[in-house]
Amino acid sequence: MNNSLISNRYAKALIDYAESIGQDTRLYSEMRLLDETFDKVHELGKAMRNQLVSVEQRKSLLTTAAGGNVSDAFSRFLEMLSEKERFGNVHQISLKYCELYRQRHNIHYCVLTTAIPLTDEELKHISDEITKFSPNVSELEIRNDVDASVLGGFAIETDSKLLDATVRHQLQEIKNVLVGKNQILN
């Protein structure tokens, strides 16, 4: 069975279970923390796939990555990973869980890439402006990725759409125009 299908099935079962015990929102917060940790600490993914790392150590690592004092739903999730030997799929399952949660709660998600980190106040202002001009967006969740190579401006990606207003992109566009004109002149 492919990893995508496995992740989808496990995430669907997990969100159904979490909803049934009223812990879907708390589990969503834990899964978001888990995802952020996987993105920042690449060794976590390696540890989940390493058979030399004991099941208890993997559970402990995931519990810490999800904030420490985790919900019953998260604890049950860890037990299920252990029983089915699916620790290698945990990151994909957490991503799919977050996607399903957002769908069920009409939350739109975007990634905003900037050269420097934005404050919570700036992110709130951007979120408010986007929702003001998007009537079908009831709630917007923004993740701010910092990439100094964009030089300035921003890039925002949501629902497989990208608006690139970075200085790096604008310089590339200028270069493309100049190279194109240079080829015409030769």
C-alpha atoms as a PDB file:
ATOM      1  CA  MET A   1       0.000   0.000   0.000  1.00  0.00           C
ATOM      2  CA  ASN A   2       1.439   3.414  -0.893  1.00  0.00           C
ATOM      3  CA  ASN A   3       2.280   6.008   1.755  1.00  0.00           C
ATOM      4  CA  SER A   4      -0.326   8.512   0.576  1.00  0.00           C
ATOM      5  CA  LEU A   5      -3.151   6.002   0.888  1.00  0.00           C
ATOM      6  CA  ILE A   6      -1.899   4.898   4.307  1.00  0.00           C
ATOM      7  CA  SER A   7      -1.673   8.502   5.528  1.00  0.00           C
ATOM      8  CA  ASN A   8      -5.160   9.305   4.240  1.00  0.00           C
ATOM      9  CA  ARG A   9      -6.746   6.286   5.916  1.00  0.00           C
ATOM     10  CA  TYR A  10      -5.028   6.803   9.247  1.00  0.00           C
ATOM     11  CA  ALA A  11      -5.710  10.547   9.309  1.00  0.00           C
ATOM     12  CA  LYS A  12      -9.395  10.007   8.467  1.00  0.00           C
ATOM     13  CA  ALA A  13      -9.795   7.389  11.194  1.00  0.00           C
ATOM     14  CA  LEU A  14      -7.929   9.613  13.640  1.00  0.00           C
ATOM     15  CA  ILE A  15     -10.022  12.723  13.014  1.00  0.00           C
ATOM     16  CA  ASP A  16     -13.237  10.702  13.247  1.00  0.00           C
ATOM     17  CA  TYR A  17     -12.071   9.268  16.569  1.00  0.00           C
ATOM     18  CA  ALA A  18     -10.911  12.662  17.906  1.00  0.00           C
ATOM     19  CA  GLU A  19     -14.248  14.259  16.960  1.00  0.00           C
ATOM     20  CA  SER A  20     -16.158  11.462  18.655  1.00  0.00           C
ATOM     21  CA  ILE A  21     -14.415  12.205  21.976  1.00  0.00           C
ATOM     22  CA  GLY A  22     -14.394  15.997  21.510  1.00  0.00           C
ATOM     23  CA  GLN A  23     -10.625  16.337  21.144  1.00  0.00           C
ATOM     24  CA  ASP A  24     -10.274  17.173  17.455  1.00  0.00           C
ATOM     25  CA  THR A  25      -9.299  20.809  18.078  1.00  0.00           C
ATOM     26  CA  ARG A  26      -6.700  19.976  20.714  1.00  0.00           C
ATOM     27  CA  LEU A  27      -5.323  17.199  18.523  1.00  0.00           C
ATOM     28  CA  TYR A  28      -5.135  19.687  15.635  1.00  0.00           C
ATOM     29  CA  SER A  29      -2.915  21.943  17.759  1.00  0.00           C
ATOM     30  CA  GLU A  30      -0.729  18.981  18.657  1.00  0.00           C
ATOM     31  CA  MET A  31      -0.458  17.884  15.033  1.00  0.00           C
ATOM     32  CA  ARG A  32       0.509  21.406  13.970  1.00  0.00           C
ATOM     33  CA  LEU A  33       3.277  21.435  16.586  1.00  0.00           C
ATOM     34  CA  LEU A  34       4.376  18.014  15.408  1.00  0.00           C
ATOM     35  CA  ASP A  35       4.528  19.214  11.797  1.00  0.00           C
ATOM     36  CA  GLU A  36       6.531  22.306  12.778  1.00  0.00           C
ATOM     37  CA  THR A  37       8.976  20.110  14.686  1.00  0.00           C
ATOM     38  CA  PHE A  38       9.415  17.755  11.726  1.00  0.00           C
ATOM     39  CA  ASP A  39      10.157  20.792   9.533  1.00  0.00           C
ATOM     40  CA  LYS A  40      12.714  22.224  11.961  1.00  0.00           C
ATOM     41  CA  VAL A  41      14.329  19.011  13.230  1.00  0.00           C
ATOM     42  CA  HIS A  42      15.015  16.734  10.271  1.00  0.00           C
ATOM     43  CA  GLU A  43      16.541  14.110  12.545  1.00  0.00           C
ATOM     44  CA  LEU A  44      13.069  13.414  13.955  1.00  0.00           C
ATOM     45  CA  GLY A  45      11.978  11.864  10.670  1.00  0.00           C
ATOM     46  CA  LYS A  46      15.128   9.750  10.593  1.00  0.00           C
ATOM     47  CA  ALA A  47      14.501   8.597  14.169  1.00  0.00           C
ATOM     48  CA  MET A  48      10.946   7.531  13.275  1.00  0.00           C
ATOM     49  CA  ARG A  49      12.272   5.303  10.479  1.00  0.00           C
ATOM     50  CA  ASN A  50      15.226   3.946  12.460  1.00  0.00           C
ATOM     51  CA  GLN A  51      14.515   0.469  13.828  1.00  0.00           C
ATOM     52  CA  LEU A  52      17.337   0.885  16.362  1.00  0.00           C
ATOM     53  CA  VAL A  53      15.285   3.569  18.132  1.00  0.00           C
ATOM     54  CA  SER A  54      12.914   1.796  20.515  1.00  0.00           C
ATOM     55  CA  VAL A  55       9.154   2.202  20.304  1.00  0.00           C
ATOM     56  CA  GLU A  56       9.146   3.917  23.714  1.00  0.00           C
ATOM     57  CA  GLN A  57      11.828   6.360  22.583  1.00  0.00           C
ATOM     58  CA  ARG A  58       9.848   7.187  19.435  1.00  0.00           C
ATOM     59  CA  LYS A  59       6.686   7.743  21.467  1.00  0.00           C
ATOM     60  CA  SER A  60       8.603   9.982  23.848  1.00  0.00           C
ATOM     61  CA  LEU A  61      10.096  12.001  20.966  1.00  0.00           C
ATOM     62  CA  LEU A  62       6.674  12.475  19.364  1.00  0.00           C
ATOM     63  CA  THR A  63       5.063  13.424  22.675  1.00  0.00           C
ATOM     64  CA  THR A  64       7.731  16.062  23.256  1.00  0.00           C
ATOM     65  CA  ALA A  65       7.387  17.320  19.669  1.00  0.00           C
ATOM     66  CA  ALA A  66       3.627  17.702  20.156  1.00  0.00           C
ATOM     67  CA  GLY A  67       3.985  19.840  23.262  1.00  0.00           C
ATOM     68  CA  GLY A  68       4.562  17.394  26.089  1.00  0.00           C
ATOM     69  CA  ASN A  69       1.244  17.033  27.902  1.00  0.00           C
ATOM     70  CA  VAL A  70      -0.754  15.486  25.044  1.00  0.00           C
ATOM     71  CA  SER A  71      -4.428  14.628  24.656  1.00  0.00           C
ATOM     72  CA  ASP A  72      -5.876  11.159  25.042  1.00  0.00           C
ATOM     73  CA  ALA A  73      -6.456  11.160  21.273  1.00  0.00           C
ATOM     74  CA  PHE A  74      -2.744  11.800  20.646  1.00  0.00           C
ATOM     75  CA  SER A  75      -1.769   9.058  23.121  1.00  0.00           C
ATOM     76  CA  ARG A  76      -4.112   6.655  21.341  1.00  0.00           C
ATOM     77  CA  PHE A  77      -2.564   7.723  18.030  1.00  0.00           C
ATOM     78  CA  LEU A  78       0.877   6.768  19.370  1.00  0.00           C
ATOM     79  CA  GLU A  79      -0.449   3.367  20.470  1.00  0.00           C
ATOM     80  CA  MET A  80      -1.908   2.786  17.021  1.00  0.00           C
ATOM     81  CA  LEU A  81       1.407   3.749  15.372  1.00  0.00           C
ATOM     82  CA  SER A  82       3.124   1.266  17.650  1.00  0.00           C
ATOM     83  CA  GLU A  83       0.646  -1.563  17.043  1.00  0.00           C
ATOM     84  CA  LYS A  84       0.699  -1.133  13.261  1.00  0.00           C
ATOM     85  CA  GLU A  85       4.404  -0.251  13.032  1.00  0.00           C
ATOM     86  CA  ARG A  86       3.653   2.995  11.182  1.00  0.00           C
ATOM     87  CA  PHE A  87       6.096   5.403  12.822  1.00  0.00           C
ATOM     88  CA  GLY A  88       7.636   6.040   9.397  1.00  0.00           C
ATOM     89  CA  ASN A  89       4.324   7.551   8.248  1.00  0.00           C
ATOM     90  CA  VAL A  90       3.709   9.812  11.228  1.00  0.00           C
ATOM     91  CA  HIS A  91       4.648  13.099   9.530  1.00  0.00           C
ATOM     92  CA  GLN A  92       2.452  12.431   6.501  1.00  0.00           C
ATOM     93  CA  ILE A  93      -0.422  11.389   8.772  1.00  0.00           C
ATOM     94  CA  SER A  94      -0.090  14.592  10.813  1.00  0.00           C
ATOM     95  CA  LEU A  95      -0.108  16.697   7.635  1.00  0.00           C
ATOM     96  CA  LYS A  96      -3.197  14.919   6.329  1.00  0.00           C
ATOM     97  CA  TYR A  97      -4.934  15.260   9.710  1.00  0.00           C
ATOM     98  CA  CYS A  98      -4.350  19.026   9.600  1.00  0.00           C
ATOM     99  CA  GLU A  99      -5.672  19.189   6.038  1.00  0.00           C
ATOM    100  CA  LEU A 100      -8.838  17.258   6.971  1.00  0.00           C
ATOM    101  CA  TYR A 101      -9.377  19.400  10.072  1.00  0.00           C
ATOM    102  CA  ARG A 102      -9.119  22.588   8.009  1.00  0.00           C
ATOM    103  CA  GLN A 103     -11.580  21.231   5.447  1.00  0.00           C
ATOM    104  CA  ARG A 104     -14.105  20.291   8.109  1.00  0.00           C
ATOM    105  CA  HIS A 105     -13.798  23.670   9.857  1.00  0.00           C
ATOM    106  CA  ASN A 106     -13.594  25.831   6.708  1.00  0.00           C
ATOM    107  CA  ILE A 107     -10.121  27.083   7.574  1.00  0.00           C
ATOM    108  CA  HIS A 108      -7.992  28.274   4.683  1.00  0.00           C
ATOM    109  CA  TYR A 109      -4.252  27.806   5.009  1.00  0.00           C
ATOM    110  CA  CYS A 110      -1.460  29.711   3.366  1.00  0.00           C
ATOM    111  CA  VAL A 111       2.288  29.969   3.552  1.00  0.00           C
ATOM    112  CA  LEU A 112       3.692  33.486   3.532  1.00  0.00           C
ATOM    113  CA  THR A 113       7.401  33.643   2.713  1.00  0.00           C
ATOM    114  CA  THR A 114       9.301  36.768   3.705  1.00  0.00           C
ATOM    115  CA  ALA A 115      12.936  37.781   4.094  1.00  0.00           C
ATOM    116  CA  ILE A 116      12.466  38.524   7.795  1.00  0.00           C
ATOM    117  CA  PRO A 117      10.003  37.101  10.341  1.00  0.00           C
ATOM    118  CA  LEU A 118       6.724  38.959  10.716  1.00  0.00           C
ATOM    119  CA  THR A 119       5.222  39.813  14.082  1.00  0.00           C
ATOM    120  CA  ASP A 120       1.948  38.289  15.223  1.00  0.00           C
ATOM    121  CA  GLU A 121       0.372  41.730  14.762  1.00  0.00           C
ATOM    122  CA  GLU A 122       1.561  41.915  11.141  1.00  0.00           C
ATOM    123  CA  LEU A 123       0.311  38.401  10.426  1.00  0.00           C
ATOM    124  CA  LYS A 124      -3.067  39.247  11.981  1.00  0.00           C
ATOM    125  CA  HIS A 125      -3.317  42.375   9.820  1.00  0.00           C
ATOM    126  CA  ILE A 126      -2.529  40.388   6.665  1.00  0.00           C
ATOM    127  CA  SER A 127      -5.061  37.728   7.636  1.00  0.00           C
ATOM    128  CA  ASP A 128      -7.730  40.373   8.254  1.00  0.00           C
ATOM    129  CA  GLU A 129      -7.063  42.021   4.878  1.00  0.00           C
ATOM    130  CA  ILE A 130      -7.238  38.744   2.976  1.00  0.00           C
ATOM    131  CA  THR A 131     -10.468  37.643   4.667  1.00  0.00           C
ATOM    132  CA  LYS A 132     -11.987  41.093   4.055  1.00  0.00           C
ATOM    133  CA  PHE A 133     -11.581  40.637   0.284  1.00  0.00           C
ATOM    134  CA  SER A 134     -12.386  36.928   0.208  1.00  0.00           C
ATOM    135  CA  PRO A 135     -16.011  36.355   1.210  1.00  0.00           C
ATOM    136  CA  ASN A 136     -15.702  32.549   1.128  1.00  0.00           C
ATOM    137  CA  VAL A 137     -12.838  32.598   3.662  1.00  0.00           C
ATOM    138  CA  SER A 138     -14.215  32.512   7.188  1.00  0.00           C
ATOM    139  CA  GLU A 139     -10.880  31.862   8.865  1.00  0.00           C
ATOM    140  CA  LEU A 140      -7.342  32.066   7.550  1.00  0.00           C
ATOM    141  CA  GLU A 141      -4.322  30.404   9.060  1.00  0.00           C
ATOM    142  CA  ILE A 142      -0.954  31.788   7.976  1.00  0.00           C
ATOM    143  CA  ARG A 143       2.422  30.159   8.396  1.00  0.00           C
ATOM    144  CA  ASN A 144       5.310  32.598   8.016  1.00  0.00           C
ATOM    145  CA  ASP A 145       8.365  30.992   6.439  1.00  0.00           C
ATOM    146  CA  VAL A 146      11.544  33.052   6.510  1.00  0.00           C
ATOM    147  CA  ASP A 147      13.864  32.870   3.514  1.00  0.00           C
ATOM    148  CA  ALA A 148      16.510  35.590   3.283  1.00  0.00           C
ATOM    149  CA  SER A 149      17.075  34.764  -0.398  1.00  0.00           C
ATOM    150  CA  VAL A 150      13.764  36.446  -1.339  1.00  0.00           C
ATOM    151  CA  LEU A 151      15.587  39.725  -0.516  1.00  0.00           C
ATOM    152  CA  GLY A 152      12.345  41.575   0.247  1.00  0.00           C
ATOM    153  CA  GLY A 153       8.650  41.575  -0.514  1.00  0.00           C
ATOM    154  CA  PHE A 154       6.678  38.380  -0.037  1.00  0.00           C
ATOM    155  CA  ALA A 155       5.376  35.238  -1.669  1.00  0.00           C
ATOM    156  CA  ILE A 156       2.057  33.784  -0.599  1.00  0.00           C
ATOM    157  CA  GLU A 157       0.915  30.282  -1.496  1.00  0.00           C
ATOM    158  CA  THR A 158      -2.550  28.920  -0.877  1.00  0.00           C
ATOM    159  CA  ASP A 159      -4.650  26.198  -2.469  1.00  0.00           C
ATOM    160  CA  SER A 160      -1.901  25.507  -5.028  1.00  0.00           C
ATOM    161  CA  LYS A 161      -1.869  29.176  -6.114  1.00  0.00           C
ATOM    162  CA  LEU A 162       1.240  31.318  -5.781  1.00  0.00           C
ATOM    163  CA  LEU A 163       1.536  35.094  -5.723  1.00  0.00           C
ATOM    164  CA  ASP A 164       5.222  35.956  -5.880  1.00  0.00           C
ATOM    165  CA  ALA A 165       5.911  39.609  -5.085  1.00  0.00           C
ATOM    166  CA  THR A 166       9.456  39.058  -3.876  1.00  0.00           C
ATOM    167  CA  VAL A 167      12.390  41.206  -4.894  1.00  0.00           C
ATOM    168  CA  ARG A 168      14.163  38.037  -6.056  1.00  0.00           C
ATOM    169  CA  HIS A 169      11.271  37.258  -8.449  1.00  0.00           C
ATOM    170  CA  GLN A 170      11.141  40.831  -9.752  1.00  0.00           C
ATOM    171  CA  LEU A 171      14.893  40.812 -10.408  1.00  0.00           C
ATOM    172  CA  GLN A 172      14.520  37.505 -12.254  1.00  0.00           C
ATOM    173  CA  GLU A 173      11.747  39.021 -14.393  1.00  0.00           C
ATOM    174  CA  ILE A 174      13.970  42.014 -15.246  1.00  0.00           C
ATOM    175  CA  LYS A 175      16.813  39.661 -16.130  1.00  0.00           C
ATOM    176  CA  ASN A 176      14.517  37.640 -18.395  1.00  0.00           C
ATOM    177  CA  VAL A 177      13.416  40.791 -20.215  1.00  0.00           C
ATOM    178  CA  LEU A 178      16.991  42.040 -20.621  1.00  0.00           C
ATOM    179  CA  VAL A 179      18.266  38.688 -21.829  1.00  0.00           C
ATOM    180  CA  GLY A 180      15.365  38.496 -24.281  1.00  0.00           C
ATOM    181  CA  LYS A 181      16.091  41.989 -25.667  1.00  0.00           C
ATOM    182  CA  ASN A 182      19.791  41.158 -25.884  1.00  0.00           C
ATOM    183  CA  GLN A 183      19.028  38.086 -27.981  1.00  0.00           C
ATOM    184  CA  ILE A 184      16.853  40.156 -30.344  1.00  0.00           C
ATOM    185  CA  LEU A 185      19.670  42.705 -30.824  1.00  0.00           C
ATOM    186  CA  ASN A 186      22.245  40.029 -31.697  1.00  0.00           C
END
